[in-house]
Protein backbone atom coordinates (compact mmCIF):
# COMPACT_ATOMS: atom_id res chain seq x y z
CA UNK A 1 54.61 41.73 0.63
CA UNK A 2 55.17 42.91 -2.93
CA UNK A 3 55.94 40.18 -5.46
CA UNK A 4 59.51 40.41 -6.83
CA UNK A 5 59.64 41.47 -10.46
CA UNK A 6 61.03 39.11 -13.06
CA UNK A 7 64.12 41.28 -13.29
CA UNK A 8 64.80 40.53 -9.61
CA UNK A 9 64.15 36.87 -10.32
CA UNK A 10 66.78 36.87 -13.04
CA UNK A 11 68.98 34.59 -10.97
CA UNK A 12 66.30 31.94 -11.33
CA UNK A 13 66.35 32.00 -15.08
CA UNK A 14 68.13 29.16 -16.81
CA UNK A 15 67.54 30.41 -20.35
CA UNK A 16 65.75 33.14 -22.22
CA UNK A 17 66.19 31.93 -25.77
CA UNK A 18 63.89 33.26 -28.47
CA UNK A 19 63.29 29.79 -29.91
CA UNK A 20 62.35 26.61 -28.07
CA UNK A 21 60.69 23.30 -28.82
CA UNK A 22 57.45 22.03 -27.34
CA UNK A 23 56.86 18.49 -28.56
CA UNK A 24 57.21 18.76 -32.34
CA UNK A 25 56.21 22.43 -32.45
CA UNK A 26 58.27 25.59 -32.66
CA UNK A 27 57.59 28.11 -29.91
CA UNK A 28 58.95 31.59 -29.29
CA UNK A 29 59.70 33.76 -26.25
CA UNK A 30 60.74 30.99 -23.91
CA UNK A 31 61.67 31.77 -20.31
CA UNK A 32 62.44 28.80 -18.07
CA UNK A 33 62.72 29.15 -14.31
CA UNK A 34 64.12 26.73 -11.72
CA UNK A 35 60.74 26.99 -9.99
CA UNK A 36 59.33 24.95 -12.85
CA UNK A 37 61.62 21.98 -12.38
CA UNK A 38 59.42 20.80 -9.54
CA UNK A 39 55.81 20.52 -10.55
CA UNK A 40 52.64 20.69 -8.41
CA UNK A 41 53.30 22.16 -4.91
CA UNK A 42 56.90 22.45 -3.77
CA UNK A 43 58.19 22.66 -0.22
CA UNK A 44 57.57 26.42 -0.19
CA UNK A 45 53.94 26.05 -1.16
CA UNK A 46 54.46 27.20 -4.74
CA UNK A 47 52.02 25.70 -7.22
CA UNK A 48 52.65 25.02 -10.91
CA UNK A 49 49.96 24.80 -13.60
CA UNK A 50 49.91 25.04 -17.41
CA UNK A 51 47.35 26.96 -19.47
CA UNK A 52 46.50 26.35 -23.12
CA UNK A 53 44.22 28.83 -24.82
CA UNK A 54 42.59 29.90 -28.10
CA UNK A 55 40.48 32.88 -29.11
CA UNK A 56 38.65 34.23 -32.16
CA UNK A 57 38.62 30.94 -34.07
CA UNK A 58 35.58 32.21 -36.02
CA UNK A 59 34.32 28.79 -37.13
CA UNK A 60 37.65 27.84 -38.76
CA UNK A 61 37.13 24.22 -37.80
CA UNK A 62 39.25 23.11 -40.73
CA UNK A 63 42.71 24.22 -41.80
CA UNK A 64 42.93 27.43 -43.83
CA UNK A 65 45.30 29.61 -45.80
CA UNK A 66 46.89 32.63 -44.16
CA UNK A 67 44.17 34.80 -45.75
CA UNK A 68 41.43 32.82 -43.99
CA UNK A 69 40.25 31.15 -47.20
CA UNK A 70 39.90 27.37 -47.57
CA UNK A 71 43.16 25.50 -47.89
CA UNK A 72 42.68 23.96 -51.33
CA UNK A 73 46.40 24.03 -52.17
CA UNK A 74 48.66 22.88 -49.29
CA UNK A 75 51.76 24.04 -51.16
CA UNK A 76 50.70 27.60 -50.40
CA UNK A 77 50.68 26.84 -46.69
CA UNK A 78 47.89 25.59 -44.43
CA UNK A 79 47.37 26.71 -40.86
CA UNK A 80 45.28 25.91 -37.83
CA UNK A 81 42.24 23.69 -37.75
CA UNK A 82 40.90 21.97 -34.65
CA UNK A 83 42.32 18.62 -35.78
CA UNK A 84 45.81 20.14 -35.37
CA UNK A 85 44.95 21.74 -32.04
CA UNK A 86 43.56 18.45 -30.74
CA UNK A 87 46.65 16.52 -31.81
CA UNK A 88 48.99 18.94 -29.99
CA UNK A 89 46.81 18.89 -26.87
CA UNK A 90 46.59 15.11 -26.85
CA UNK A 91 50.38 14.94 -27.04
CA UNK A 92 51.16 17.67 -24.53
CA UNK A 93 48.49 17.76 -21.82
CA UNK A 94 49.26 14.24 -20.49
CA UNK A 95 52.82 15.45 -19.77
CA UNK A 96 51.49 18.15 -17.42
CA UNK A 97 50.37 17.24 -13.92
CA UNK A 98 47.97 20.17 -13.92
CA UNK A 99 46.62 22.10 -16.91
CA UNK A 100 43.58 24.01 -18.11
CA UNK A 101 42.34 24.65 -21.65
CA UNK A 102 40.57 28.01 -22.02
CA UNK A 103 38.58 29.57 -24.86
CA UNK A 104 38.38 33.38 -24.98
CA UNK A 105 35.38 33.51 -27.31
CA UNK A 106 34.27 34.30 -30.87
CA UNK A 107 33.75 30.76 -32.06
CA UNK A 108 30.83 31.98 -34.20
CA UNK A 109 31.00 33.52 -37.68
CA UNK A 110 33.58 33.37 -40.43
CA UNK A 111 33.17 30.20 -42.55
CA UNK A 112 30.52 28.01 -44.13
CA UNK A 113 30.60 25.76 -41.05
CA UNK A 114 28.76 28.51 -39.19
CA UNK A 115 26.75 29.82 -42.15
CA UNK A 116 25.33 26.35 -42.81
CA UNK A 117 25.22 24.71 -39.36
CA UNK A 118 25.05 27.73 -37.02
CA UNK A 119 26.64 26.61 -33.73
CA UNK A 120 25.95 22.88 -33.96
CA UNK A 121 29.19 21.62 -35.51
CA UNK A 122 31.25 24.13 -33.58
CA UNK A 123 29.85 22.73 -30.32
CA UNK A 124 30.39 19.17 -31.51
CA UNK A 125 34.01 19.97 -32.33
CA UNK A 126 35.09 21.90 -29.27
CA UNK A 127 33.43 19.36 -26.97
CA UNK A 128 36.05 16.90 -28.22
CA UNK A 129 38.95 19.18 -27.34
CA UNK A 130 38.53 19.06 -23.57
CA UNK A 131 38.00 22.76 -22.92
CA UNK A 132 37.67 23.63 -19.26
CA UNK A 133 35.94 27.03 -19.63
CA UNK A 134 34.89 29.54 -22.28
CA UNK A 135 34.15 33.26 -22.40
CA UNK A 136 31.53 34.71 -24.73
CA UNK A 137 32.72 36.73 -27.71
CA UNK A 138 30.64 39.47 -29.30
CA UNK A 139 30.03 37.27 -32.36
CA UNK A 140 28.34 34.65 -30.23
CA UNK A 141 25.43 37.13 -30.21
CA UNK A 142 25.25 37.58 -34.00
CA UNK A 143 22.07 35.50 -34.32
CA UNK A 144 20.55 36.57 -31.01
CA UNK A 145 20.36 35.05 -27.55
CA UNK A 146 18.14 32.08 -28.47
CA UNK A 147 20.64 30.66 -30.98
CA UNK A 148 23.41 31.27 -28.46
CA UNK A 149 21.40 29.44 -25.80
CA UNK A 150 21.11 26.43 -28.14
CA UNK A 151 24.90 26.47 -28.51
CA UNK A 152 25.76 26.89 -24.83
CA UNK A 153 23.39 24.10 -23.78
CA UNK A 154 25.25 21.68 -26.08
CA UNK A 155 28.63 22.32 -24.46
CA UNK A 156 30.09 19.98 -21.86
CA UNK A 157 32.10 22.70 -20.09
CA UNK A 158 31.08 25.97 -18.36
CA UNK A 159 30.55 29.24 -20.24
CA UNK A 160 31.52 32.09 -17.94
CA UNK A 161 30.14 35.63 -18.23
CA UNK A 162 30.47 37.88 -15.20
CA UNK A 163 29.30 41.06 -16.95
CA UNK A 164 26.52 39.66 -19.19
CA UNK A 165 22.87 39.68 -18.13
CA UNK A 166 20.81 37.97 -20.82
CA UNK A 167 17.14 38.73 -21.35
CA UNK A 168 16.75 35.15 -22.59
CA UNK A 169 15.83 32.82 -19.71
CA UNK A 170 17.56 29.78 -21.20
CA UNK A 171 20.80 31.64 -21.82
CA UNK A 172 20.72 33.39 -18.47
CA UNK A 173 20.35 30.01 -16.76
CA UNK A 174 23.22 28.48 -18.75
CA UNK A 175 25.79 31.19 -17.98
CA UNK A 176 27.83 31.44 -14.76
CA UNK A 177 29.73 34.51 -13.47
CA UNK A 178 32.77 32.44 -12.44
CA UNK A 179 33.88 28.83 -12.26
CA UNK A 180 35.98 27.27 -9.50
CA UNK A 181 38.32 24.35 -10.16
CA UNK A 182 38.63 22.80 -6.68
CA UNK A 183 41.39 20.43 -7.74
CA UNK A 184 43.54 23.46 -8.63
CA UNK A 185 42.22 25.80 -5.92
CA UNK A 186 41.76 28.24 -8.80
CA UNK A 187 38.87 30.19 -10.33
CA UNK A 188 38.16 31.67 -13.76
CA UNK A 189 36.14 34.87 -14.17
CA UNK A 190 35.17 35.94 -17.69
CA UNK A 191 33.94 39.17 -19.30
CA UNK A 192 32.75 40.25 -22.76
CA UNK A 193 33.25 43.58 -24.50
CA UNK A 194 30.71 46.27 -23.66
CA UNK A 195 30.60 47.20 -27.35
CA UNK A 196 28.69 43.99 -28.15
CA UNK A 197 25.31 45.73 -28.65
CA UNK A 198 27.00 48.00 -31.23
CA UNK A 199 28.75 45.26 -33.17
CA UNK A 200 26.45 42.23 -32.80
CA UNK A 201 22.76 41.47 -32.26
CA UNK A 202 22.06 40.52 -28.65
CA UNK A 203 18.40 40.52 -27.60
CA UNK A 204 16.85 43.75 -26.49
CA UNK A 205 17.30 43.86 -22.73
CA UNK A 206 20.56 41.90 -22.70
CA UNK A 207 23.18 44.07 -21.02
CA UNK A 208 26.97 44.17 -20.76
CA UNK A 209 28.33 45.89 -17.66
CA UNK A 210 31.75 47.42 -17.06
CA UNK A 211 34.32 44.58 -17.36
CA UNK A 212 36.68 46.15 -14.83
CA UNK A 213 34.01 46.40 -12.13
CA UNK A 214 32.67 42.93 -12.93
CA UNK A 215 36.11 41.37 -12.59
CA UNK A 216 37.02 43.22 -9.41
CA UNK A 217 33.67 42.49 -7.74
CA UNK A 218 34.01 38.80 -8.59
CA UNK A 219 37.62 38.62 -7.43
CA UNK A 220 36.70 40.25 -4.12
CA UNK A 221 33.82 37.79 -3.65
CA UNK A 222 36.00 34.77 -4.46
CA UNK A 223 38.72 35.88 -2.06
CA UNK A 224 36.35 36.71 0.79
CA UNK A 225 33.67 34.05 0.44
CA UNK A 226 35.51 31.17 -1.23
CA UNK A 227 39.09 31.77 -0.05
CA UNK A 228 40.31 31.56 -3.66
CA UNK A 229 43.41 33.60 -4.47
CA UNK A 230 44.49 32.04 -7.77
CA UNK A 231 42.18 33.78 -10.23
CA UNK A 232 42.41 33.94 -14.01
CA UNK A 233 40.52 36.58 -15.99
CA UNK A 234 39.30 35.09 -19.27
CA UNK A 235 38.33 38.05 -21.43
CA UNK A 236 36.93 39.05 -24.78
CA UNK A 237 37.60 42.78 -24.62
CA UNK A 238 40.81 43.27 -26.67
CA UNK A 239 44.50 43.44 -25.86
CA UNK A 240 44.70 47.12 -24.93
CA UNK A 241 41.63 46.76 -22.73
CA UNK A 242 43.28 43.71 -21.12
CA UNK A 243 46.26 45.86 -20.20
CA UNK A 244 43.91 48.50 -18.80
CA UNK A 245 42.07 45.81 -16.83
CA UNK A 246 45.36 44.63 -15.37
CA UNK A 247 46.28 48.15 -14.24
CA UNK A 248 42.85 48.96 -12.76
CA UNK A 249 42.34 45.85 -10.63
CA UNK A 250 43.96 43.84 -7.87
CA UNK A 251 43.94 40.11 -7.21
CA UNK A 252 44.24 38.96 -10.85
CA UNK A 253 47.70 37.90 -12.04
CA UNK A 254 46.91 36.18 -15.34
CA UNK A 255 44.66 37.53 -18.10
CA UNK A 256 43.86 35.27 -21.07
CA UNK A 257 42.28 37.44 -23.73
CA UNK A 258 40.71 37.72 -27.15
CA UNK A 259 38.73 40.05 -29.47
CA UNK A 260 41.50 42.20 -30.96
CA UNK A 261 43.25 39.39 -32.89
CA UNK A 262 46.57 40.53 -31.44
CA UNK A 263 49.72 38.56 -32.26
CA UNK A 264 52.07 38.23 -29.29
CA UNK A 265 55.53 36.68 -29.36
CA UNK A 266 58.88 37.23 -31.09
CA UNK A 267 57.72 36.29 -34.59
CA UNK A 268 57.49 38.83 -37.42
CA UNK A 269 54.47 41.05 -37.07
CA UNK A 270 54.03 40.53 -33.33
CA UNK A 271 52.68 43.59 -31.53
CA UNK A 272 54.14 42.77 -28.13
CA UNK A 273 55.79 40.03 -26.10
CA UNK A 274 54.15 36.81 -24.95
CA UNK A 275 53.29 37.34 -22.19
CA UNK A 276 53.07 41.11 -21.92
CA UNK A 277 53.53 42.13 -18.30
CA UNK A 278 51.63 44.98 -16.64
CA UNK A 279 51.34 46.09 -13.02
CA UNK A 280 48.11 46.05 -11.03
CA UNK A 281 46.92 48.56 -8.43
CA UNK A 282 49.16 46.91 -5.84
CA UNK A 283 52.25 47.12 -8.07
CA UNK A 284 52.18 43.36 -8.68
CA UNK A 285 52.88 41.77 -12.04
CA UNK A 286 49.97 40.72 -14.24
CA UNK A 287 50.69 38.43 -17.18
CA UNK A 288 48.57 39.13 -20.28
CA UNK A 289 48.37 36.57 -23.09
CA UNK A 290 46.30 36.13 -26.24
CA UNK A 291 46.73 33.88 -29.28
CA UNK A 292 46.04 35.84 -32.46
CA UNK A 293 43.07 34.57 -34.52
CA UNK A 294 41.39 31.66 -36.31
CA UNK A 295 43.34 28.99 -34.39
CA UNK A 296 46.61 29.59 -36.24
CA UNK A 297 48.33 29.58 -32.85
CA UNK A 298 47.60 27.63 -29.70
CA UNK A 299 48.56 29.73 -26.70
CA UNK A 300 50.66 28.04 -24.01
CA UNK A 301 51.90 29.45 -20.72
CA UNK A 302 53.13 27.51 -17.70
CA UNK A 303 53.11 29.50 -14.45
CA UNK A 304 54.17 29.07 -10.84
CA UNK A 305 51.93 30.64 -8.20
CA UNK A 306 53.15 31.44 -4.70
CA UNK A 307 50.81 30.66 -1.78
CA UNK A 308 49.19 34.13 -2.00
CA UNK A 309 48.21 33.70 -5.67
CA UNK A 310 50.97 35.82 -7.22
CA UNK A 311 52.94 34.45 -10.19
CA UNK A 312 56.61 33.87 -9.48
CA UNK A 313 57.77 32.62 -12.88
CA UNK A 314 56.54 31.47 -16.26
CA UNK A 315 57.49 29.40 -19.27
CA UNK A 316 55.74 29.42 -22.60
CA UNK A 317 54.87 30.89 -25.98
CA UNK A 318 52.32 30.48 -28.77
CA UNK A 319 52.53 27.19 -30.67
CA UNK A 320 52.34 27.81 -34.41
CA UNK A 321 50.14 25.28 -36.19
CA UNK A 322 51.38 24.83 -39.75
CA UNK A 323 51.62 22.20 -42.50
CA UNK A 324 54.24 20.43 -40.40
CA UNK A 325 51.84 19.97 -37.46
CA UNK A 326 50.12 16.60 -37.48
CA UNK A 327 46.32 16.49 -37.40
CA UNK A 328 44.08 14.24 -35.34
CA UNK A 329 42.93 11.84 -38.04
CA UNK A 330 39.49 11.04 -36.63
CA UNK A 331 38.51 14.68 -36.06
CA UNK A 332 39.93 15.73 -39.42
CA UNK A 333 37.83 13.11 -41.20
CA UNK A 334 34.75 14.17 -39.26
CA UNK A 335 35.21 17.84 -40.17
CA UNK A 336 35.80 16.93 -43.81
CA UNK A 337 32.55 14.95 -43.87
CA UNK A 338 30.58 17.99 -42.69
CA UNK A 339 31.62 19.90 -45.81
CA UNK A 340 29.68 17.64 -48.17
CA UNK A 341 26.24 19.29 -47.77
CA UNK A 342 27.51 22.77 -48.61
CA UNK A 343 30.45 22.09 -50.95
CA UNK A 344 28.33 21.89 -54.11
CA UNK A 345 26.49 25.08 -53.18
CA UNK A 346 29.71 26.85 -52.18
CA UNK A 347 31.60 25.67 -55.25
CA UNK A 348 29.37 27.41 -57.80
CA UNK A 349 31.47 29.83 -59.87
CA UNK A 350 29.79 33.24 -60.01
CA UNK A 351 32.27 35.17 -62.09
CA UNK A 352 35.91 36.13 -62.32
CA UNK A 353 38.27 38.68 -60.81
CA UNK A 354 41.25 39.82 -62.84
CA UNK A 355 43.13 40.72 -59.66
CA UNK A 356 43.70 39.33 -56.20
CA UNK A 357 41.54 41.08 -53.61
CA UNK A 358 43.29 41.16 -50.21
CA UNK A 359 41.16 41.91 -47.16
CA UNK A 360 43.61 42.79 -44.39
CA UNK A 361 44.50 46.23 -45.76
CA UNK A 362 40.82 47.22 -45.74
CA UNK A 363 41.01 47.88 -42.01
CA UNK A 364 43.50 50.70 -42.48
CA UNK A 365 42.93 52.20 -45.94
CA UNK A 366 40.96 52.04 -49.16
CA UNK A 367 41.04 48.56 -50.68
CA UNK A 368 39.96 47.02 -53.97
CA UNK A 369 37.61 44.49 -52.43
CA UNK A 370 35.90 47.28 -50.47
CA UNK A 371 35.48 49.22 -53.70
CA UNK A 372 34.02 46.16 -55.40
CA UNK A 373 31.53 45.54 -52.60
CA UNK A 374 30.32 49.14 -52.28
CA UNK A 375 29.93 49.46 -56.05
CA UNK A 376 27.93 46.24 -56.06
CA UNK A 377 25.68 47.72 -53.38
CA UNK A 378 24.93 50.81 -55.49
CA UNK A 379 24.12 48.57 -58.45
CA UNK A 380 21.80 46.29 -56.46
CA UNK A 381 18.05 46.16 -56.98
CA UNK A 382 16.29 48.93 -55.06
CA UNK A 383 19.45 50.96 -54.47
CA UNK A 384 19.70 52.56 -57.91
CA UNK A 385 18.95 56.06 -56.56
CA UNK A 386 21.72 55.87 -53.98
CA UNK A 387 24.28 58.69 -53.93
CA UNK A 388 26.94 56.71 -52.10
CA UNK A 389 27.51 53.44 -50.27
CA UNK A 390 29.43 52.95 -47.04
CA UNK A 391 30.40 49.69 -45.32
CA UNK A 392 32.44 48.81 -42.25
CA UNK A 393 35.83 47.32 -43.09
CA UNK A 394 35.46 44.94 -40.14
CA UNK A 395 32.85 43.02 -42.12
CA UNK A 396 35.38 42.03 -44.80
CA UNK A 397 36.70 38.74 -43.49
CA UNK A 398 38.88 37.02 -46.12
CA UNK A 399 40.74 37.52 -49.40
CA UNK A 400 39.37 36.61 -52.80
CA UNK A 401 41.92 35.16 -55.20
CA UNK A 402 42.37 36.26 -58.79
CA UNK A 403 40.51 34.00 -61.20
CA UNK A 404 37.16 32.27 -60.75
CA UNK A 405 35.15 33.54 -57.79
CA UNK A 406 32.89 31.01 -56.06
CA UNK A 407 29.84 31.46 -53.88
CA UNK A 408 31.82 30.01 -50.97
CA UNK A 409 34.46 32.72 -51.33
CA UNK A 410 31.79 35.41 -51.27
CA UNK A 411 30.13 33.92 -48.17
CA UNK A 412 33.47 33.51 -46.41
CA UNK A 413 34.48 37.07 -47.20
CA UNK A 414 31.10 38.59 -46.30
CA UNK A 415 29.63 36.08 -43.84
CA UNK A 416 27.32 38.19 -41.69
CA UNK A 417 24.15 38.13 -43.78
CA UNK A 418 23.56 41.87 -43.30
CA UNK A 419 20.85 43.41 -45.47
CA UNK A 420 21.24 46.54 -47.57
CA UNK A 421 19.17 49.59 -46.70
CA UNK A 422 18.78 52.97 -48.38
CA UNK A 423 18.24 55.82 -45.94
CA UNK A 424 17.93 59.57 -46.46
CA UNK A 425 20.64 61.48 -44.64
CA UNK A 426 21.39 65.18 -44.43
CA UNK A 427 24.80 66.25 -45.61
CA UNK A 428 25.61 67.55 -42.14
CA UNK A 429 24.95 64.08 -40.68
CA UNK A 430 27.05 62.42 -43.38
CA UNK A 431 29.91 64.81 -42.65
CA UNK A 432 29.62 64.17 -38.91
CA UNK A 433 29.52 60.41 -39.53
CA UNK A 434 32.64 60.37 -41.67
CA UNK A 435 34.42 62.71 -39.26
CA UNK A 436 33.61 60.25 -36.48
CA UNK A 437 34.98 57.32 -38.46
CA UNK A 438 38.32 58.98 -39.27
CA UNK A 439 38.55 60.36 -35.71
CA UNK A 440 37.58 57.08 -34.04
CA UNK A 441 34.83 58.76 -31.98
CA UNK A 442 31.19 59.27 -32.94
CA UNK A 443 30.69 63.04 -33.11
CA UNK A 444 27.12 62.92 -31.80
CA UNK A 445 27.16 60.47 -28.90
CA UNK A 446 30.87 60.22 -28.08
CA UNK A 447 30.97 56.44 -28.46
CA UNK A 448 34.14 54.86 -29.89
CA UNK A 449 33.91 53.92 -33.56
CA UNK A 450 35.04 50.32 -33.84
CA UNK A 451 35.95 49.90 -37.52
CA UNK A 452 37.45 51.64 -40.52
CA UNK A 453 35.27 52.04 -43.62
CA UNK A 454 35.04 51.65 -47.40
CA UNK A 455 33.09 53.82 -49.85
CA UNK A 456 31.63 53.55 -53.36
CA UNK A 457 32.77 55.07 -56.64
CA UNK A 458 32.61 58.84 -57.20
CA UNK A 459 33.29 59.47 -53.51
CA UNK A 460 36.49 61.28 -52.48
CA UNK A 461 37.39 61.57 -48.80
CA UNK A 462 40.58 63.15 -47.50
CA UNK A 463 41.45 63.18 -43.82
CA UNK A 464 44.40 64.22 -41.67
CA UNK A 465 45.19 61.49 -39.09
CA UNK A 466 47.60 63.82 -37.27
CA UNK A 467 44.91 66.42 -36.57
CA UNK A 468 42.86 66.60 -33.40
CA UNK A 469 39.98 64.12 -33.21
CA UNK A 470 36.87 65.87 -34.42
CA UNK A 471 38.83 67.98 -36.92
CA UNK A 472 40.40 65.35 -39.16
CA UNK A 473 38.10 65.45 -42.16
CA UNK A 474 39.74 67.68 -44.77
CA UNK A 475 37.55 67.10 -47.83
CA UNK A 476 34.40 65.13 -48.68
CA UNK A 477 33.11 65.07 -52.25
CA UNK A 478 30.48 63.08 -54.14
CA UNK A 479 30.72 63.10 -57.95
CA UNK A 480 33.22 65.94 -57.76
CA UNK A 481 30.97 68.20 -55.70
CA UNK A 482 31.56 69.16 -52.07
CA UNK A 483 29.03 67.56 -49.76
CA UNK A 484 26.39 70.17 -48.94
CA UNK A 485 25.52 70.20 -45.25
CA UNK A 486 21.96 71.33 -45.98
CA UNK A 487 21.25 68.88 -48.81
CA UNK A 488 19.71 65.40 -48.39
CA UNK A 489 21.55 62.36 -49.79
CA UNK A 490 20.51 58.75 -50.26
CA UNK A 491 22.95 56.56 -48.34
CA UNK A 492 23.16 52.87 -49.19
CA UNK A 493 24.56 50.98 -46.23
CA UNK A 494 24.00 47.90 -44.06
CA UNK A 495 21.14 47.45 -41.63
CA UNK A 496 23.84 46.75 -39.02
CA UNK A 497 25.32 50.24 -39.49
CA UNK A 498 21.94 51.96 -39.84
CA UNK A 499 20.97 50.69 -36.39
CA UNK A 500 24.12 52.03 -34.72
CA UNK A 501 26.59 49.22 -35.43
CA UNK A 502 30.27 50.15 -35.04
CA UNK A 503 28.98 53.61 -33.99
CA UNK A 504 29.26 54.97 -37.55
CA UNK A 505 25.94 56.79 -37.30
CA UNK A 506 23.18 57.48 -34.83
CA UNK A 507 20.48 54.82 -34.99
CA UNK A 508 18.16 55.63 -37.89
CA UNK A 509 14.80 56.70 -36.45
CA UNK A 510 12.62 55.82 -39.43
CA UNK A 511 11.40 52.45 -40.65
CA UNK A 512 14.15 50.49 -42.38
CA UNK A 513 13.21 48.94 -45.70
CA UNK A 514 15.70 46.14 -46.26
CA UNK A 515 16.88 45.11 -49.72
CA UNK A 516 19.06 42.14 -50.70
CA UNK A 517 21.67 40.80 -48.34
CA UNK A 518 25.19 42.08 -48.77
CA UNK A 519 26.50 38.79 -50.14
CA UNK A 520 23.64 38.50 -52.63
CA UNK A 521 24.39 42.00 -53.95
CA UNK A 522 27.94 40.90 -54.70
CA UNK A 523 26.72 37.61 -56.22
CA UNK A 524 24.47 39.53 -58.62
CA UNK A 525 27.22 42.00 -59.48
CA UNK A 526 29.72 39.25 -60.27
CA UNK A 527 27.21 37.40 -62.42
CA UNK A 528 26.39 40.50 -64.45
CA UNK A 529 29.70 42.38 -64.62
CA UNK A 530 32.45 39.75 -64.73
CA UNK A 531 35.30 39.82 -65.18
CA UNK A 532 35.74 42.49 -62.50
CA UNK A 533 38.94 44.48 -62.13
CA UNK A 534 38.59 46.73 -59.06
CA UNK A 535 41.46 49.03 -58.15
CA UNK A 536 42.47 51.40 -55.38
CA UNK A 537 41.75 54.79 -56.94
CA UNK A 538 41.92 57.47 -54.27
CA UNK A 539 38.45 57.22 -52.75
CA UNK A 540 39.95 57.49 -49.25
CA UNK A 541 43.30 59.13 -48.68
CA UNK A 542 45.23 61.18 -46.16
CA UNK A 543 46.46 64.74 -46.48
CA UNK A 544 46.88 68.05 -44.70
CA UNK A 545 44.27 70.74 -44.25
CA UNK A 546 45.13 73.73 -46.41
CA UNK A 547 45.77 76.75 -44.14
CA UNK A 548 42.70 78.93 -44.21
CA UNK A 549 40.67 76.31 -46.08
CA UNK A 550 37.01 75.87 -45.18
CA UNK A 551 36.11 72.98 -42.91
CA UNK A 552 33.77 70.34 -44.37
CA UNK A 553 30.20 71.59 -44.28
CA UNK A 554 31.09 75.22 -43.63
CA UNK A 555 28.61 77.34 -45.59
CA UNK A 556 27.44 74.20 -47.32
CA UNK A 557 30.85 73.27 -48.71
CA UNK A 558 34.01 71.38 -47.93
CA UNK A 559 37.53 72.55 -48.60
CA UNK A 560 37.89 72.12 -52.31
CA UNK A 561 41.69 72.02 -52.52
CA UNK A 562 42.99 68.50 -53.11
CA UNK A 563 45.62 67.76 -50.45
CA UNK A 564 48.82 65.91 -51.27
CA UNK A 565 49.20 62.34 -50.02
CA UNK A 566 51.46 62.25 -46.98
CA UNK A 567 53.26 58.93 -46.32
CA UNK A 568 53.88 59.73 -42.67
CA UNK A 569 50.21 60.49 -42.12
CA UNK A 570 49.27 57.32 -43.98
CA UNK A 571 51.39 55.26 -41.60
CA UNK A 572 49.74 56.98 -38.65
CA UNK A 573 46.38 56.14 -40.11
CA UNK A 574 47.37 52.49 -40.46
CA UNK A 575 48.46 52.35 -36.84
CA UNK A 576 45.25 54.02 -35.68
CA UNK A 577 43.06 51.57 -37.47
CA UNK A 578 44.85 48.31 -36.72
CA UNK A 579 42.00 45.88 -36.01
CA UNK A 580 40.45 45.57 -32.51
CA UNK A 581 39.94 48.71 -30.48
CA UNK A 582 39.86 52.14 -32.08
CA UNK A 583 41.80 54.02 -29.43
CA UNK A 584 44.51 51.36 -29.22
CA UNK A 585 44.21 49.97 -32.69
CA UNK A 586 42.46 46.92 -34.12
CA UNK A 587 44.29 43.91 -35.48
CA UNK A 588 42.70 42.49 -38.57
CA UNK A 589 39.23 41.60 -37.92
CA UNK A 590 36.80 43.56 -37.86
CA UNK A 591 34.77 43.09 -35.43
CA UNK A 592 32.52 43.66 -36.10
CA UNK A 593 34.16 41.83 -35.85
CA UNK A 594 37.40 42.48 -33.95
């Protein structure tokens, strides 16, 4: 029998206000059903359970500013932090007869807590929260499978990965394809994005299978062999992929996701409702939730399952963790104490910026901090003969304030430790690479490109976001000259990109000679060229192809007519490159983030 839609269940709804209160916290998108007045199993066999969830915390153990930087001035607003999350959970979970706390991955990477301690302090922290299960994010593989195995073995809850086959014996042994909670007659199946080999550094031989097939195969097994019909998909594949998963499977009615840093709810900037409801292959409702990024929100949804495992009603919304949210004192003090070993190192002032350098816009357009970084790369030791530098915008992780710039800010903004490389590249390959970036699809192998980009001085790129993918690049110049398809150029980029990361280029076939790390290049640049005053200056812009104009690379030239900036096209470009998935849009992280 087909589950009634929520519109049919409207008679059950007591309120659908846009603002509600959960404990001392403000929540949005509240829908309360009479089914939820009676908890546990009612006389019709309906079962009620609450889910709390986080995703993409990226080692933000402590509170932070909205930009992701350390919260040194509370008057400017402080958000998140596991001490706040723990306090809310300790207050709220005892009021629920049944609840689960789920983690949708990407605990690694983003702050000095990870740079200095790797996964140790993250594990120590989240073990105190009472998580019931965790999915693996792509960033969990940033330091390889052995470091990840160290992390997973320290956890006191299961790490679920139905579509990951690790080549590392320790990690393979530590992962499970699903986890059953007998007391709830419920199972969790988890999957990780297939793009992980392109945006992280898993061991050679570690594979990531199709998430849709992995979920469906596991659901079918659980239903047939274990008689489990209440199944939650815990995913790190991105919001749009979660919706696709919902539509392509049967037997899953709740998806708790991460990866795309998507904000759901009724607050300003939200991309969709919390939950967003899709229909599965059987025409049944699937509830999709995710909780933004960095732990600024704690996801909360309370659902009622009927005896067949379908969801009848829900109640919930993200809980915003702000200055007004109390922190768990003991955990807060513990996290503060961990800062001591790296605070002196991180506090060293390297130079000064005359302007604020915001990071979020880098994922959609040219940005000043991207210009600063790529120029620093060209000026770095060993890269002096470079013709241009290109980086992935997904690797720019936080703002840098105007004024003194510290080592900690540099490491927080560029935390991945990627090395610079200089590689020879034919103009035709450069053109194809840039075309792939602005089109969102690699022009050689057809793989999705998973980040926007930033380029160095003396580079001018114009593209038309309204044109057909594969024909969007309008003009590509270096030092005022059209890129020559037959000429060889020296490209300064990151080892991550040179080996196929984010699908910018085909994997470089020659031996890579690595130079300084990306963060060290910026450290040196700040120390030698401060104060810096980078500006957006038209290195990357949108415009229309001139009728009859030559396509880039045709007869060794690009179209030399400078197109006029088009605001409508610019907006389309922003939408295309919102952080997460290229086809659907990403939402402020870069993955390589996302």
